[in-house]
């Protein structure tokens, strides 16, 4: 089970934090500080798996951001490492070359994307082909965007989907 997900920059500012276990605010700040100290100073040649208290932290660095997942010690590290990569690929696709500012100013969309494939601390969906389409539809409907144009664009990007059912 995933305990928490953190996205932090090199300076230690947390850009996204999702906790799947209850923690006090003071404990959350302490955890964020400890995880940052743990991953920022590691040699890039070392493995991306780190022991953290009684759990494991799996992290990956993309540009100036560290994507960290804390999980149970018995879970599959490689699955969660690929989960991080999938999350970054979807963010890249959705924001067309995602940057730190996209995460800051569109945090609600980032949380929505994260919630599409991680539910209650468990990985639900791992297919890159399945995930983006429901996210696009949900955001279009939620924010009352011009749905037909978005559906047409989505059908071009994801030709395997039948968009007529959403019209």
C-alpha atoms as a PDB file:
ATOM      1  CA  UNK A   1       0.000   0.000   0.000  1.00  0.00           C
ATOM      2  CA  UNK A   2       1.134   3.513  -0.764  1.00  0.00           C
ATOM      3  CA  UNK A   3       1.564   5.656   2.353  1.00  0.00           C
ATOM      4  CA  UNK A   4       2.103   8.963   0.579  1.00  0.00           C
ATOM      5  CA  UNK A   5       3.197  10.568  -2.673  1.00  0.00           C
ATOM      6  CA  UNK A   6       5.393  13.665  -2.713  1.00  0.00           C
ATOM      7  CA  UNK A   7       6.540  15.910  -5.532  1.00  0.00           C
ATOM      8  CA  UNK A   8       9.330  18.181  -4.347  1.00  0.00           C
ATOM      9  CA  UNK A   9      11.742  20.504  -6.059  1.00  0.00           C
ATOM     10  CA  UNK A  10      15.483  20.576  -5.376  1.00  0.00           C
ATOM     11  CA  UNK A  11      15.061  23.258  -2.729  1.00  0.00           C
ATOM     12  CA  UNK A  12      12.693  21.048  -0.745  1.00  0.00           C
ATOM     13  CA  UNK A  13       9.435  22.835  -1.520  1.00  0.00           C
ATOM     14  CA  UNK A  14       6.615  20.345  -1.752  1.00  0.00           C
ATOM     15  CA  UNK A  15       4.640  20.900  -4.934  1.00  0.00           C
ATOM     16  CA  UNK A  16       2.198  18.040  -4.439  1.00  0.00           C
ATOM     17  CA  UNK A  17       1.503  15.852  -1.421  1.00  0.00           C
ATOM     18  CA  UNK A  18      -1.069  13.088  -1.241  1.00  0.00           C
ATOM     19  CA  UNK A  19      -1.330  11.075   1.970  1.00  0.00           C
ATOM     20  CA  UNK A  20      -3.195   7.780   2.115  1.00  0.00           C
ATOM     21  CA  UNK A  21      -2.695   7.322   5.864  1.00  0.00           C
ATOM     22  CA  UNK A  22      -3.720   9.856   8.506  1.00  0.00           C
ATOM     23  CA  UNK A  23      -0.875  12.005   9.832  1.00  0.00           C
ATOM     24  CA  UNK A  24      -0.801  15.162  11.925  1.00  0.00           C
ATOM     25  CA  UNK A  25       0.311  18.331  10.127  1.00  0.00           C
ATOM     26  CA  UNK A  26       3.520  18.492  12.149  1.00  0.00           C
ATOM     27  CA  UNK A  27       4.284  14.869  11.228  1.00  0.00           C
ATOM     28  CA  UNK A  28       3.596  15.610   7.541  1.00  0.00           C
ATOM     29  CA  UNK A  29       6.112  18.476   7.559  1.00  0.00           C
ATOM     30  CA  UNK A  30       8.644  16.276   9.308  1.00  0.00           C
ATOM     31  CA  UNK A  31       8.136  13.462   6.784  1.00  0.00           C
ATOM     32  CA  UNK A  32       8.464  15.853   3.840  1.00  0.00           C
ATOM     33  CA  UNK A  33      11.697  17.249   5.258  1.00  0.00           C
ATOM     34  CA  UNK A  34      13.151  13.792   5.951  1.00  0.00           C
ATOM     35  CA  UNK A  35      12.233  12.412   2.527  1.00  0.00           C
ATOM     36  CA  UNK A  36      13.755  15.427   0.810  1.00  0.00           C
ATOM     37  CA  UNK A  37      16.984  15.079   2.797  1.00  0.00           C
ATOM     38  CA  UNK A  38      17.033  11.380   1.970  1.00  0.00           C
ATOM     39  CA  UNK A  39      16.657  11.631  -1.810  1.00  0.00           C
ATOM     40  CA  UNK A  40      18.284  14.944  -2.736  1.00  0.00           C
ATOM     41  CA  UNK A  41      21.785  13.983  -1.586  1.00  0.00           C
ATOM     42  CA  UNK A  42      21.864  10.475  -3.034  1.00  0.00           C
ATOM     43  CA  UNK A  43      24.335   9.635  -5.753  1.00  0.00           C
ATOM     44  CA  UNK A  44      22.570   9.220  -9.138  1.00  0.00           C
ATOM     45  CA  UNK A  45      24.360   5.879  -9.555  1.00  0.00           C
ATOM     46  CA  UNK A  46      22.608   4.446  -6.495  1.00  0.00           C
ATOM     47  CA  UNK A  47      19.311   2.616  -6.662  1.00  0.00           C
ATOM     48  CA  UNK A  48      16.030   4.550  -6.501  1.00  0.00           C
ATOM     49  CA  UNK A  49      14.807   2.532  -3.500  1.00  0.00           C
ATOM     50  CA  UNK A  50      15.551   3.815   0.009  1.00  0.00           C
ATOM     51  CA  UNK A  51      14.635   2.457   3.427  1.00  0.00           C
ATOM     52  CA  UNK A  52      12.575   5.025   5.333  1.00  0.00           C
ATOM     53  CA  UNK A  53      11.569   4.253   8.894  1.00  0.00           C
ATOM     54  CA  UNK A  54       9.602   0.997   8.559  1.00  0.00           C
ATOM     55  CA  UNK A  55       8.742   1.576   4.880  1.00  0.00           C
ATOM     56  CA  UNK A  56      10.448   2.123   1.535  1.00  0.00           C
ATOM     57  CA  UNK A  57      10.658   5.287  -0.505  1.00  0.00           C
ATOM     58  CA  UNK A  58      10.820   4.897  -4.255  1.00  0.00           C
ATOM     59  CA  UNK A  59      11.830   8.091  -6.014  1.00  0.00           C
ATOM     60  CA  UNK A  60      12.724   9.358  -9.435  1.00  0.00           C
ATOM     61  CA  UNK A  61      14.107  12.699 -10.488  1.00  0.00           C
ATOM     62  CA  UNK A  62      12.736  14.467 -13.535  1.00  0.00           C
ATOM     63  CA  UNK A  63      14.454  17.789 -14.277  1.00  0.00           C
ATOM     64  CA  UNK A  64      14.271  19.705 -10.993  1.00  0.00           C
ATOM     65  CA  UNK A  65      11.501  17.638  -9.396  1.00  0.00           C
ATOM     66  CA  UNK A  66      11.684  14.561  -7.212  1.00  0.00           C
ATOM     67  CA  UNK A  67       8.690  12.224  -7.441  1.00  0.00           C
ATOM     68  CA  UNK A  68       8.626  10.082  -4.282  1.00  0.00           C
ATOM     69  CA  UNK A  69       6.309   7.280  -3.217  1.00  0.00           C
ATOM     70  CA  UNK A  70       6.429   5.757   0.254  1.00  0.00           C
ATOM     71  CA  UNK A  71       5.157   2.182   0.311  1.00  0.00           C
ATOM     72  CA  UNK A  72       5.048  -0.903   2.472  1.00  0.00           C
ATOM     73  CA  UNK A  73       8.277  -2.858   2.688  1.00  0.00           C
ATOM     74  CA  UNK A  74       6.702  -5.944   1.071  1.00  0.00           C
ATOM     75  CA  UNK A  75       5.343  -4.237  -2.074  1.00  0.00           C
ATOM     76  CA  UNK A  76       6.949  -4.439  -5.505  1.00  0.00           C
ATOM     77  CA  UNK A  77       9.407  -1.561  -5.924  1.00  0.00           C
ATOM     78  CA  UNK A  78       9.594  -1.804  -9.706  1.00  0.00           C
ATOM     79  CA  UNK A  79       5.822  -1.522 -10.070  1.00  0.00           C
ATOM     80  CA  UNK A  80       5.834   1.760  -8.188  1.00  0.00           C
ATOM     81  CA  UNK A  81       8.894   3.019 -10.045  1.00  0.00           C
ATOM     82  CA  UNK A  82       6.960   2.458 -13.271  1.00  0.00           C
ATOM     83  CA  UNK A  83       3.938   4.104 -11.644  1.00  0.00           C
ATOM     84  CA  UNK A  84       5.997   7.272 -11.223  1.00  0.00           C
ATOM     85  CA  UNK A  85       7.061   7.113 -14.860  1.00  0.00           C
ATOM     86  CA  UNK A  86       3.458   6.585 -15.988  1.00  0.00           C
ATOM     87  CA  UNK A  87       2.355   9.596 -13.942  1.00  0.00           C
ATOM     88  CA  UNK A  88       5.042  11.767 -15.550  1.00  0.00           C
ATOM     89  CA  UNK A  89       4.144  10.539 -19.048  1.00  0.00           C
ATOM     90  CA  UNK A  90       0.483  11.383 -18.498  1.00  0.00           C
ATOM     91  CA  UNK A  91       1.387  14.813 -17.097  1.00  0.00           C
ATOM     92  CA  UNK A  92       3.653  15.397 -20.106  1.00  0.00           C
ATOM     93  CA  UNK A  93       0.883  14.424 -22.469  1.00  0.00           C
ATOM     94  CA  UNK A  94      -1.763  16.449 -20.665  1.00  0.00           C
ATOM     95  CA  UNK A  95       0.259  19.646 -20.179  1.00  0.00           C
ATOM     96  CA  UNK A  96       2.433  19.153 -23.286  1.00  0.00           C
ATOM     97  CA  UNK A  97       5.873  19.101 -21.696  1.00  0.00           C
ATOM     98  CA  UNK A  98       5.014  19.563 -18.034  1.00  0.00           C
ATOM     99  CA  UNK A  99       7.027  21.887 -15.817  1.00  0.00           C
ATOM    100  CA  UNK A 100       6.959  22.817 -12.143  1.00  0.00           C
ATOM    101  CA  UNK A 101       4.681  25.800 -12.782  1.00  0.00           C
ATOM    102  CA  UNK A 102       2.065  23.521 -14.349  1.00  0.00           C
ATOM    103  CA  UNK A 103       1.958  21.575 -11.099  1.00  0.00           C
ATOM    104  CA  UNK A 104       1.651  24.740  -9.023  1.00  0.00           C
ATOM    105  CA  UNK A 105      -1.042  26.512 -11.041  1.00  0.00           C
ATOM    106  CA  UNK A 106      -3.016  23.426 -12.105  1.00  0.00           C
ATOM    107  CA  UNK A 107      -2.745  21.415  -8.913  1.00  0.00           C
ATOM    108  CA  UNK A 108      -6.442  20.471  -9.032  1.00  0.00           C
ATOM    109  CA  UNK A 109      -5.950  18.801 -12.418  1.00  0.00           C
ATOM    110  CA  UNK A 110      -2.810  17.039 -11.194  1.00  0.00           C
ATOM    111  CA  UNK A 111      -4.716  15.611  -8.221  1.00  0.00           C
ATOM    112  CA  UNK A 112      -7.485  14.507 -10.586  1.00  0.00           C
ATOM    113  CA  UNK A 113      -4.974  12.700 -12.792  1.00  0.00           C
ATOM    114  CA  UNK A 114      -3.383  11.052  -9.767  1.00  0.00           C
ATOM    115  CA  UNK A 115      -6.763   9.918  -8.467  1.00  0.00           C
ATOM    116  CA  UNK A 116      -7.537   8.249 -11.796  1.00  0.00           C
ATOM    117  CA  UNK A 117      -4.958   5.528 -11.286  1.00  0.00           C
ATOM    118  CA  UNK A 118      -4.263   5.418  -7.544  1.00  0.00           C
ATOM    119  CA  UNK A 119      -7.225   4.759  -5.286  1.00  0.00           C
ATOM    120  CA  UNK A 120      -6.973   4.532  -1.488  1.00  0.00           C
ATOM    121  CA  UNK A 121      -3.246   3.897  -1.670  1.00  0.00           C
ATOM    122  CA  UNK A 122      -3.464   1.080  -4.218  1.00  0.00           C
ATOM    123  CA  UNK A 123      -2.435   1.179  -7.860  1.00  0.00           C
ATOM    124  CA  UNK A 124      -5.620   0.726  -9.922  1.00  0.00           C
ATOM    125  CA  UNK A 125      -4.692   1.285 -13.547  1.00  0.00           C
ATOM    126  CA  UNK A 126      -1.380   0.967 -15.333  1.00  0.00           C
ATOM    127  CA  UNK A 127      -2.354   1.259 -18.989  1.00  0.00           C
ATOM    128  CA  UNK A 128      -1.212   4.421 -20.690  1.00  0.00           C
ATOM    129  CA  UNK A 129      -3.880   3.949 -23.361  1.00  0.00           C
ATOM    130  CA  UNK A 130      -6.791   3.754 -20.915  1.00  0.00           C
ATOM    131  CA  UNK A 131      -5.967   6.567 -18.493  1.00  0.00           C
ATOM    132  CA  UNK A 132      -5.833   9.872 -20.434  1.00  0.00           C
ATOM    133  CA  UNK A 133      -9.196   9.662 -22.190  1.00  0.00           C
ATOM    134  CA  UNK A 134     -11.455   9.575 -19.077  1.00  0.00           C
ATOM    135  CA  UNK A 135      -9.359  12.374 -17.591  1.00  0.00           C
ATOM    136  CA  UNK A 136      -9.889  14.590 -20.644  1.00  0.00           C
ATOM    137  CA  UNK A 137     -13.634  13.929 -20.618  1.00  0.00           C
ATOM    138  CA  UNK A 138     -13.924  14.553 -16.881  1.00  0.00           C
ATOM    139  CA  UNK A 139     -12.051  17.848 -17.027  1.00  0.00           C
ATOM    140  CA  UNK A 140     -14.048  18.989 -20.055  1.00  0.00           C
ATOM    141  CA  UNK A 141     -17.364  18.296 -18.342  1.00  0.00           C
ATOM    142  CA  UNK A 142     -16.271  19.571 -14.923  1.00  0.00           C
ATOM    143  CA  UNK A 143     -15.031  22.898 -16.185  1.00  0.00           C
ATOM    144  CA  UNK A 144     -17.852  23.292 -18.744  1.00  0.00           C
ATOM    145  CA  UNK A 145     -15.476  23.498 -21.640  1.00  0.00           C
ATOM    146  CA  UNK A 146     -16.593  23.204 -25.217  1.00  0.00           C
ATOM    147  CA  UNK A 147     -17.120  19.445 -25.108  1.00  0.00           C
ATOM    148  CA  UNK A 148     -17.597  18.648 -28.848  1.00  0.00           C
ATOM    149  CA  UNK A 149     -14.266  20.255 -29.779  1.00  0.00           C
ATOM    150  CA  UNK A 150     -12.486  18.425 -26.972  1.00  0.00           C
ATOM    151  CA  UNK A 151     -14.102  15.141 -27.981  1.00  0.00           C
ATOM    152  CA  UNK A 152     -12.980  15.663 -31.562  1.00  0.00           C
ATOM    153  CA  UNK A 153      -9.429  16.388 -30.407  1.00  0.00           C
ATOM    154  CA  UNK A 154      -9.520  13.376 -28.086  1.00  0.00           C
ATOM    155  CA  UNK A 155     -10.646  11.104 -30.918  1.00  0.00           C
ATOM    156  CA  UNK A 156      -7.651  12.244 -32.966  1.00  0.00           C
ATOM    157  CA  UNK A 157      -5.213  11.662 -30.105  1.00  0.00           C
ATOM    158  CA  UNK A 158      -6.893   8.411 -29.002  1.00  0.00           C
ATOM    159  CA  UNK A 159      -8.324   6.869 -32.192  1.00  0.00           C
ATOM    160  CA  UNK A 160      -9.193   3.594 -30.417  1.00  0.00           C
ATOM    161  CA  UNK A 161     -11.990   5.312 -28.476  1.00  0.00           C
ATOM    162  CA  UNK A 162     -15.504   5.806 -29.769  1.00  0.00           C
ATOM    163  CA  UNK A 163     -16.417   9.372 -28.846  1.00  0.00           C
ATOM    164  CA  UNK A 164     -19.977   9.186 -30.175  1.00  0.00           C
ATOM    165  CA  UNK A 165     -21.191   7.793 -26.850  1.00  0.00           C
ATOM    166  CA  UNK A 166     -20.181  11.050 -25.116  1.00  0.00           C
ATOM    167  CA  UNK A 167     -21.963  13.415 -27.538  1.00  0.00           C
END
